Amino acid sequence: MATDLNTTISLHRFVDELMTGLLPRAVSHKTIIINQIDRDIEVGSDENLLAFVLWNLLDRAVDCTRNECIHVESVMVDDKIMIRVRNAGVYFYRSCANCIRQVQHAAEKIGGTISIDYSDGNTGTIVALTLNRAA
């Protein structure tokens, strides 16, 4: 019998739970993770695959960041939600660019895409997961 793995997930709460596991390393790197996801946003997704994708993006950000803030933020675009992980370092860009294939494959399985953008300005590196909103 087939089961529907998609559930409606409160994105802010979900990111909080993922961040908890990263706090010891973030503290050792003197890094702060700020969850700026809108508390009202929900996504319909396979919870395990979503956790895999977001964990990898957050884990890379923590691994590549020292003495900075990592911002996890949400942006609504039409019926899509963009979850952005942003920090100031070029090393984060290189780290994500080198290992994105496996994470991109998992993102595609949940109907998402991943993009990476680096700017020398104040925004630094932004890695974004774009998903459909929950109905």
Protein backbone atom coordinates (compact mmCIF):
# COMPACT_ATOMS: atom_id res chain seq x y z
CA MET A 1 0.00 0.00 0.00
CA ALA A 2 1.42 3.41 -1.00
CA THR A 3 1.56 6.14 1.61
CA ASP A 4 1.63 9.89 1.11
CA LEU A 5 4.88 11.16 2.63
CA ASN A 6 3.91 14.81 2.15
CA THR A 7 2.89 16.60 5.31
CA THR A 8 2.19 20.24 6.06
CA ILE A 9 5.18 21.66 7.90
CA SER A 10 5.47 24.89 9.87
CA LEU A 11 8.68 26.16 8.29
CA HIS A 12 9.79 28.41 11.17
CA ARG A 13 9.44 25.60 13.71
CA PHE A 14 11.15 23.15 11.37
CA VAL A 15 14.17 25.42 10.90
CA ASP A 16 14.33 26.00 14.69
CA GLU A 17 14.54 22.25 15.23
CA LEU A 18 17.33 21.87 12.66
CA MET A 19 19.24 24.81 14.16
CA THR A 20 19.23 23.18 17.60
CA GLY A 21 21.52 20.42 16.36
CA LEU A 22 23.93 22.96 14.88
CA LEU A 23 24.20 25.25 17.92
CA PRO A 24 27.28 23.63 19.54
CA ARG A 25 29.33 24.04 16.35
CA ALA A 26 27.96 27.52 15.70
CA VAL A 27 28.96 28.60 19.21
CA SER A 28 32.44 27.13 18.77
CA HIS A 29 32.77 29.20 15.56
CA LYS A 30 31.44 32.31 17.35
CA THR A 31 28.58 32.32 14.86
CA ILE A 32 24.94 33.18 15.40
CA ILE A 33 22.12 31.60 13.36
CA ILE A 34 19.08 33.86 13.06
CA ASN A 35 15.76 32.30 12.04
CA GLN A 36 13.89 35.00 10.11
CA ILE A 37 11.35 32.64 8.55
CA ASP A 38 7.81 34.03 8.72
CA ARG A 39 5.96 32.08 11.44
CA ASP A 40 2.83 31.74 9.28
CA ILE A 41 4.51 29.94 6.38
CA GLU A 42 3.75 26.28 5.87
CA VAL A 43 5.02 23.99 3.14
CA GLY A 44 3.71 20.64 1.97
CA SER A 45 6.70 18.34 1.69
CA ASP A 46 8.34 15.07 2.56
CA GLU A 47 9.71 15.94 5.99
CA ASN A 48 12.80 13.71 5.69
CA LEU A 49 13.88 15.06 2.32
CA LEU A 50 13.22 18.64 3.39
CA ALA A 51 15.31 18.04 6.53
CA PHE A 52 18.11 16.56 4.40
CA VAL A 53 18.20 19.57 2.07
CA LEU A 54 17.92 22.29 4.73
CA TRP A 55 20.32 20.51 7.09
CA ASN A 56 22.95 20.38 4.36
CA LEU A 57 22.56 24.07 3.53
CA LEU A 58 22.68 25.11 7.19
CA ASP A 59 25.51 22.71 8.01
CA ARG A 60 27.67 24.14 5.21
CA ALA A 61 26.92 27.67 6.33
CA VAL A 62 27.96 26.90 9.92
CA ASP A 63 31.03 25.02 8.75
CA CYS A 64 32.18 27.96 6.60
CA THR A 65 31.33 30.84 8.91
CA ARG A 66 33.42 32.35 11.69
CA ASN A 67 32.54 35.38 13.81
CA GLU A 68 29.49 36.24 11.68
CA CYS A 69 25.72 35.87 11.55
CA ILE A 70 23.93 33.36 9.35
CA HIS A 71 20.47 34.51 8.35
CA VAL A 72 17.76 32.01 7.42
CA GLU A 73 14.96 33.96 5.81
CA SER A 74 11.80 33.46 3.80
CA VAL A 75 10.70 35.31 0.68
CA MET A 76 7.35 34.77 -1.01
CA VAL A 77 7.27 34.83 -4.81
CA ASP A 78 3.79 34.11 -6.23
CA ASP A 79 2.88 30.61 -5.01
CA LYS A 80 6.50 29.77 -4.17
CA ILE A 81 8.46 30.13 -0.96
CA MET A 82 12.16 30.84 -1.12
CA ILE A 83 14.16 29.76 1.93
CA ARG A 84 17.44 31.67 1.87
CA VAL A 85 20.55 30.89 3.89
CA ARG A 86 22.77 33.94 3.83
CA ASN A 87 26.27 34.66 5.15
CA ALA A 88 29.12 36.98 4.24
CA GLY A 89 31.77 34.55 3.05
CA VAL A 90 33.07 33.48 -0.34
CA TYR A 91 34.16 30.17 1.23
CA PHE A 92 30.49 29.30 1.80
CA TYR A 93 29.89 29.86 -1.91
CA ARG A 94 32.74 27.54 -2.90
CA SER A 95 31.67 24.88 -0.40
CA CYS A 96 28.07 24.88 -1.65
CA ALA A 97 29.03 25.00 -5.30
CA ASN A 98 31.27 21.96 -4.86
CA CYS A 99 28.68 19.71 -3.20
CA ILE A 100 25.34 20.93 -4.49
CA ARG A 101 24.60 18.01 -6.84
CA GLN A 102 23.33 15.54 -4.20
CA VAL A 103 21.36 18.23 -2.38
CA GLN A 104 19.88 19.50 -5.66
CA HIS A 105 18.72 15.97 -6.49
CA ALA A 106 16.91 15.72 -3.13
CA ALA A 107 15.40 19.20 -3.62
CA GLU A 108 14.03 18.14 -7.01
CA LYS A 109 12.36 15.10 -5.42
CA ILE A 110 10.28 17.49 -3.27
CA GLY A 111 9.54 19.79 -6.21
CA GLY A 112 12.20 22.35 -5.31
CA THR A 113 15.27 23.96 -6.78
CA ILE A 114 18.46 25.32 -5.27
CA SER A 115 20.27 28.44 -6.39
CA ILE A 116 23.55 30.00 -5.23
CA ASP A 117 24.45 33.66 -5.53
CA TYR A 118 27.56 35.49 -4.37
CA SER A 119 28.00 39.23 -4.16
CA ASP A 120 31.02 41.17 -2.94
CA GLY A 121 28.60 43.64 -1.37
CA ASN A 122 26.82 43.31 1.97
CA THR A 123 24.74 40.28 1.01
CA GLY A 124 27.65 37.84 0.72
CA THR A 125 26.59 34.34 -0.30
CA ILE A 126 22.92 33.38 -0.55
CA VAL A 127 21.90 29.77 -1.08
CA ALA A 128 18.17 29.45 -1.70
CA LEU A 129 15.77 26.53 -1.73
CA THR A 130 12.57 27.35 -3.63
CA LEU A 131 9.45 25.26 -2.93
CA ASN A 132 5.71 25.37 -3.54
CA ARG A 133 3.64 26.62 -0.61
CA ALA A 134 1.25 24.27 1.14
CA ALA A 135 -2.28 24.37 -0.26
